[in-house]
Amino acid sequence: MGIEALLRQRRIRQLDLEPFLAVDVGSSLLETLQAMQSSGSGAALVVENERLAGIFTERDLISKVALASVDNARPIRDFMAPNPTVLSPEDSVFDAIQLMGEHGYRNIPLVEGDGRLAGSLPVAKVVEFLAESLPQEMLALPPRADQRFGTADGA
């Protein structure tokens, strides 16, 4: 089976996903940052009435908080990215890689068909899956997916 076929066949649900961090829209910026730090998570899924309302990532911290003088008691809803792009746990790893590559996402919220929050897919988990499932292929890939070499390198 080729790489693309494997990626299209493997469902996100089949990956070894870790517990995700979810905070309420009313949680303060400080509470969210403390939760992210203690959990070691690079993103917090922001929920309202048990539904995904947004995502707050390390990028949001840098772009919206770090250089500004903000009150860290303000609610996280003021800093989150609202209505993030989501995937279903039934979507393929190929779909996740494509979405991450096209938009530069490092965390994708996972939502069940009925709208329930199911988790988060960090890019590190995708890389881990690729390295474990396709070690030889990963070593032989060029740095960019669209890169083609005219001749073999080496002796």
C-alpha atoms as a PDB file:
ATOM      1  CA  MET A   1       0.000   0.000   0.000  1.00  0.00           C
ATOM      2  CA  GLY A   2       1.310   3.431  -0.936  1.00  0.00           C
ATOM      3  CA  ILE A   3       1.698   6.370   1.392  1.00  0.00           C
ATOM      4  CA  GLU A   4      -1.333   8.259   0.088  1.00  0.00           C
ATOM      5  CA  ALA A   5      -3.543   5.170   0.284  1.00  0.00           C
ATOM      6  CA  LEU A   6      -2.485   4.560   3.890  1.00  0.00           C
ATOM      7  CA  LEU A   7      -3.161   8.196   4.821  1.00  0.00           C
ATOM      8  CA  ARG A   8      -6.572   8.138   3.154  1.00  0.00           C
ATOM      9  CA  GLN A   9      -7.472   4.846   4.847  1.00  0.00           C
ATOM     10  CA  ARG A  10      -6.362   5.752   8.388  1.00  0.00           C
ATOM     11  CA  ARG A  11      -9.003   7.623  10.387  1.00  0.00           C
ATOM     12  CA  ILE A  12      -8.027  10.326  12.865  1.00  0.00           C
ATOM     13  CA  ARG A  13      -9.931   8.341  15.500  1.00  0.00           C
ATOM     14  CA  GLN A  14      -7.374   5.538  15.073  1.00  0.00           C
ATOM     15  CA  LEU A  15      -4.465   7.720  16.156  1.00  0.00           C
ATOM     16  CA  ASP A  16      -3.269   7.629  19.731  1.00  0.00           C
ATOM     17  CA  LEU A  17      -4.801  10.984  20.679  1.00  0.00           C
ATOM     18  CA  GLU A  18      -4.078  12.444  24.076  1.00  0.00           C
ATOM     19  CA  PRO A  19      -6.610  14.210  26.303  1.00  0.00           C
ATOM     20  CA  PHE A  20      -7.394  17.698  25.057  1.00  0.00           C
ATOM     21  CA  LEU A  21      -7.637  20.957  26.946  1.00  0.00           C
ATOM     22  CA  ALA A  22     -11.018  22.691  26.924  1.00  0.00           C
ATOM     23  CA  VAL A  23     -11.859  25.923  28.721  1.00  0.00           C
ATOM     24  CA  ASP A  24     -15.105  27.842  29.031  1.00  0.00           C
ATOM     25  CA  VAL A  25     -15.504  31.090  27.038  1.00  0.00           C
ATOM     26  CA  GLY A  26     -15.758  32.921  30.360  1.00  0.00           C
ATOM     27  CA  SER A  27     -12.407  31.635  31.643  1.00  0.00           C
ATOM     28  CA  SER A  28      -9.884  34.399  32.040  1.00  0.00           C
ATOM     29  CA  LEU A  29      -6.813  34.735  29.875  1.00  0.00           C
ATOM     30  CA  LEU A  30      -4.686  33.976  32.941  1.00  0.00           C
ATOM     31  CA  GLU A  31      -6.677  30.837  33.808  1.00  0.00           C
ATOM     32  CA  THR A  32      -6.366  29.631  30.222  1.00  0.00           C
ATOM     33  CA  LEU A  33      -2.623  30.242  30.103  1.00  0.00           C
ATOM     34  CA  GLN A  34      -2.152  28.457  33.418  1.00  0.00           C
ATOM     35  CA  ALA A  35      -4.187  25.490  32.151  1.00  0.00           C
ATOM     36  CA  MET A  36      -2.147  25.381  28.933  1.00  0.00           C
ATOM     37  CA  GLN A  37       1.086  25.501  30.880  1.00  0.00           C
ATOM     38  CA  SER A  38       0.117  22.801  33.366  1.00  0.00           C
ATOM     39  CA  SER A  39      -1.216  20.489  30.643  1.00  0.00           C
ATOM     40  CA  GLY A  40       1.675  21.132  28.255  1.00  0.00           C
ATOM     41  CA  SER A  41      -0.814  21.925  25.519  1.00  0.00           C
ATOM     42  CA  GLY A  42      -0.139  24.371  22.708  1.00  0.00           C
ATOM     43  CA  ALA A  43      -3.845  25.065  22.303  1.00  0.00           C
ATOM     44  CA  ALA A  44      -7.011  25.372  24.333  1.00  0.00           C
ATOM     45  CA  LEU A  45     -10.376  24.562  22.801  1.00  0.00           C
ATOM     46  CA  VAL A  46     -12.873  27.180  23.954  1.00  0.00           C
ATOM     47  CA  VAL A  47     -16.365  25.900  24.636  1.00  0.00           C
ATOM     48  CA  GLU A  48     -19.723  27.511  25.258  1.00  0.00           C
ATOM     49  CA  ASN A  49     -22.714  25.411  26.290  1.00  0.00           C
ATOM     50  CA  GLU A  50     -20.675  22.248  25.626  1.00  0.00           C
ATOM     51  CA  ARG A  51     -20.060  23.284  21.991  1.00  0.00           C
ATOM     52  CA  LEU A  52     -16.861  24.491  20.362  1.00  0.00           C
ATOM     53  CA  ALA A  53     -16.825  28.284  20.207  1.00  0.00           C
ATOM     54  CA  GLY A  54     -13.191  28.879  19.327  1.00  0.00           C
ATOM     55  CA  ILE A  55      -9.568  27.965  19.809  1.00  0.00           C
ATOM     56  CA  PHE A  56      -6.770  29.788  21.594  1.00  0.00           C
ATOM     57  CA  THR A  57      -3.272  28.829  20.487  1.00  0.00           C
ATOM     58  CA  GLU A  58       0.306  29.829  21.112  1.00  0.00           C
ATOM     59  CA  ARG A  59       0.047  31.928  17.940  1.00  0.00           C
ATOM     60  CA  ASP A  60      -2.871  33.851  19.468  1.00  0.00           C
ATOM     61  CA  LEU A  61      -0.766  34.421  22.563  1.00  0.00           C
ATOM     62  CA  ILE A  62       2.034  35.897  20.475  1.00  0.00           C
ATOM     63  CA  SER A  63      -0.099  37.915  18.064  1.00  0.00           C
ATOM     64  CA  LYS A  64      -2.842  39.171  20.382  1.00  0.00           C
ATOM     65  CA  VAL A  65      -1.354  39.222  23.865  1.00  0.00           C
ATOM     66  CA  ALA A  66       2.435  39.252  24.088  1.00  0.00           C
ATOM     67  CA  LEU A  67       3.153  42.715  22.696  1.00  0.00           C
ATOM     68  CA  ALA A  68      -0.011  44.368  23.950  1.00  0.00           C
ATOM     69  CA  SER A  69      -0.802  45.580  27.411  1.00  0.00           C
ATOM     70  CA  VAL A  70      -3.835  43.458  28.248  1.00  0.00           C
ATOM     71  CA  ASP A  71      -5.738  42.701  31.400  1.00  0.00           C
ATOM     72  CA  ASN A  72      -5.182  38.991  31.986  1.00  0.00           C
ATOM     73  CA  ALA A  73      -8.534  38.847  33.807  1.00  0.00           C
ATOM     74  CA  ARG A  74     -10.377  39.456  30.514  1.00  0.00           C
ATOM     75  CA  PRO A  75     -12.288  36.425  29.215  1.00  0.00           C
ATOM     76  CA  ILE A  76     -10.561  34.154  26.709  1.00  0.00           C
ATOM     77  CA  ARG A  77     -13.396  34.844  24.241  1.00  0.00           C
ATOM     78  CA  ASP A  78     -11.692  38.227  23.659  1.00  0.00           C
ATOM     79  CA  PHE A  79      -8.525  36.527  22.406  1.00  0.00           C
ATOM     80  CA  MET A  80      -9.629  33.242  20.816  1.00  0.00           C
ATOM     81  CA  ALA A  81     -10.029  32.551  17.123  1.00  0.00           C
ATOM     82  CA  PRO A  82     -13.804  32.067  16.781  1.00  0.00           C
ATOM     83  CA  ASN A  83     -15.445  29.345  14.691  1.00  0.00           C
ATOM     84  CA  PRO A  84     -12.278  27.428  13.835  1.00  0.00           C
ATOM     85  CA  THR A  85     -12.084  24.957  10.987  1.00  0.00           C
ATOM     86  CA  VAL A  86     -12.780  21.492  12.361  1.00  0.00           C
ATOM     87  CA  LEU A  87     -12.512  17.877  11.321  1.00  0.00           C
ATOM     88  CA  SER A  88     -14.413  14.816  12.420  1.00  0.00           C
ATOM     89  CA  PRO A  89     -12.626  11.908  14.107  1.00  0.00           C
ATOM     90  CA  GLU A  90     -13.877   9.890  11.115  1.00  0.00           C
ATOM     91  CA  ASP A  91     -11.963  12.067   8.642  1.00  0.00           C
ATOM     92  CA  SER A  92      -8.732  10.658   7.279  1.00  0.00           C
ATOM     93  CA  VAL A  93      -5.208  11.528   8.311  1.00  0.00           C
ATOM     94  CA  PHE A  94      -4.783  12.648   4.679  1.00  0.00           C
ATOM     95  CA  ASP A  95      -7.550  15.238   5.220  1.00  0.00           C
ATOM     96  CA  ALA A  96      -5.799  16.508   8.346  1.00  0.00           C
ATOM     97  CA  ILE A  97      -2.412  16.788   6.645  1.00  0.00           C
ATOM     98  CA  GLN A  98      -3.971  18.604   3.706  1.00  0.00           C
ATOM     99  CA  LEU A  99      -5.770  21.089   5.978  1.00  0.00           C
ATOM    100  CA  MET A 100      -2.674  21.669   8.099  1.00  0.00           C
ATOM    101  CA  GLY A 101      -0.525  22.193   5.021  1.00  0.00           C
ATOM    102  CA  GLU A 102      -2.922  24.542   3.243  1.00  0.00           C
ATOM    103  CA  HIS A 103      -3.593  26.790   6.242  1.00  0.00           C
ATOM    104  CA  GLY A 104      -0.563  26.345   8.492  1.00  0.00           C
ATOM    105  CA  TYR A 105      -2.643  24.909  11.336  1.00  0.00           C
ATOM    106  CA  ARG A 106      -0.816  23.153  14.150  1.00  0.00           C
ATOM    107  CA  ASN A 107      -3.947  22.101  16.030  1.00  0.00           C
ATOM    108  CA  ILE A 108      -7.279  21.092  14.555  1.00  0.00           C
ATOM    109  CA  PRO A 109     -10.353  20.722  16.765  1.00  0.00           C
ATOM    110  CA  LEU A 110     -12.254  17.464  16.312  1.00  0.00           C
ATOM    111  CA  VAL A 111     -16.044  17.539  16.437  1.00  0.00           C
ATOM    112  CA  GLU A 112     -18.431  14.594  16.212  1.00  0.00           C
ATOM    113  CA  GLY A 113     -21.262  14.587  13.671  1.00  0.00           C
ATOM    114  CA  ASP A 114     -23.736  15.674  16.358  1.00  0.00           C
ATOM    115  CA  GLY A 115     -21.596  18.716  17.211  1.00  0.00           C
ATOM    116  CA  ARG A 116     -20.022  17.337  20.384  1.00  0.00           C
ATOM    117  CA  LEU A 117     -16.395  18.224  20.956  1.00  0.00           C
ATOM    118  CA  ALA A 118     -14.307  15.080  20.479  1.00  0.00           C
ATOM    119  CA  GLY A 119     -10.754  16.315  20.880  1.00  0.00           C
ATOM    120  CA  SER A 120      -7.872  18.027  19.194  1.00  0.00           C
ATOM    121  CA  LEU A 121      -5.353  16.855  16.638  1.00  0.00           C
ATOM    122  CA  PRO A 122      -1.942  18.462  17.128  1.00  0.00           C
ATOM    123  CA  VAL A 123       0.537  18.376  14.246  1.00  0.00           C
ATOM    124  CA  ALA A 124       3.003  16.548  16.512  1.00  0.00           C
ATOM    125  CA  LYS A 125       0.606  13.586  16.622  1.00  0.00           C
ATOM    126  CA  VAL A 126       0.477  13.480  12.806  1.00  0.00           C
ATOM    127  CA  VAL A 127       4.274  13.574  12.596  1.00  0.00           C
ATOM    128  CA  GLU A 128       4.504  10.818  15.213  1.00  0.00           C
ATOM    129  CA  PHE A 129       2.064   8.664  13.228  1.00  0.00           C
ATOM    130  CA  LEU A 130       4.039   9.193  10.013  1.00  0.00           C
ATOM    131  CA  ALA A 131       7.367   8.414  11.658  1.00  0.00           C
ATOM    132  CA  GLU A 132       6.042   5.217  13.274  1.00  0.00           C
ATOM    133  CA  SER A 133       4.031   3.973  10.292  1.00  0.00           C
ATOM    134  CA  LEU A 134       6.378   4.892   7.454  1.00  0.00           C
ATOM    135  CA  PRO A 135       9.929   5.173   8.819  1.00  0.00           C
ATOM    136  CA  GLN A 136      11.766   4.344   5.573  1.00  0.00           C
ATOM    137  CA  GLU A 137       9.504   6.500   3.454  1.00  0.00           C
ATOM    138  CA  MET A 138       9.884   9.463   5.811  1.00  0.00           C
ATOM    139  CA  LEU A 139      13.669   9.254   5.643  1.00  0.00           C
ATOM    140  CA  ALA A 140      13.571   9.277   1.843  1.00  0.00           C
ATOM    141  CA  LEU A 141      11.130  12.174   1.360  1.00  0.00           C
ATOM    142  CA  PRO A 142      12.390  15.542   0.114  1.00  0.00           C
ATOM    143  CA  PRO A 143      12.020  18.528   2.474  1.00  0.00           C
ATOM    144  CA  ARG A 144       9.039  19.849   0.478  1.00  0.00           C
ATOM    145  CA  ALA A 145       6.249  17.681  -0.914  1.00  0.00           C
ATOM    146  CA  ASP A 146       6.447  19.361  -4.337  1.00  0.00           C
ATOM    147  CA  GLN A 147      10.224  19.073  -4.562  1.00  0.00           C
ATOM    148  CA  ARG A 148      11.633  16.769  -7.259  1.00  0.00           C
ATOM    149  CA  PHE A 149      15.275  15.817  -7.675  1.00  0.00           C
ATOM    150  CA  GLY A 150      16.635  15.322 -11.196  1.00  0.00           C
ATOM    151  CA  THR A 151      19.429  12.992 -10.134  1.00  0.00           C
ATOM    152  CA  ALA A 152      20.321  10.855  -7.168  1.00  0.00           C
ATOM    153  CA  ASP A 153      22.465  12.572  -4.571  1.00  0.00           C
ATOM    154  CA  GLY A 154      25.703  11.021  -3.412  1.00  0.00           C
ATOM    155  CA  ALA A 155      28.374   8.817  -4.939  1.00  0.00           C
END
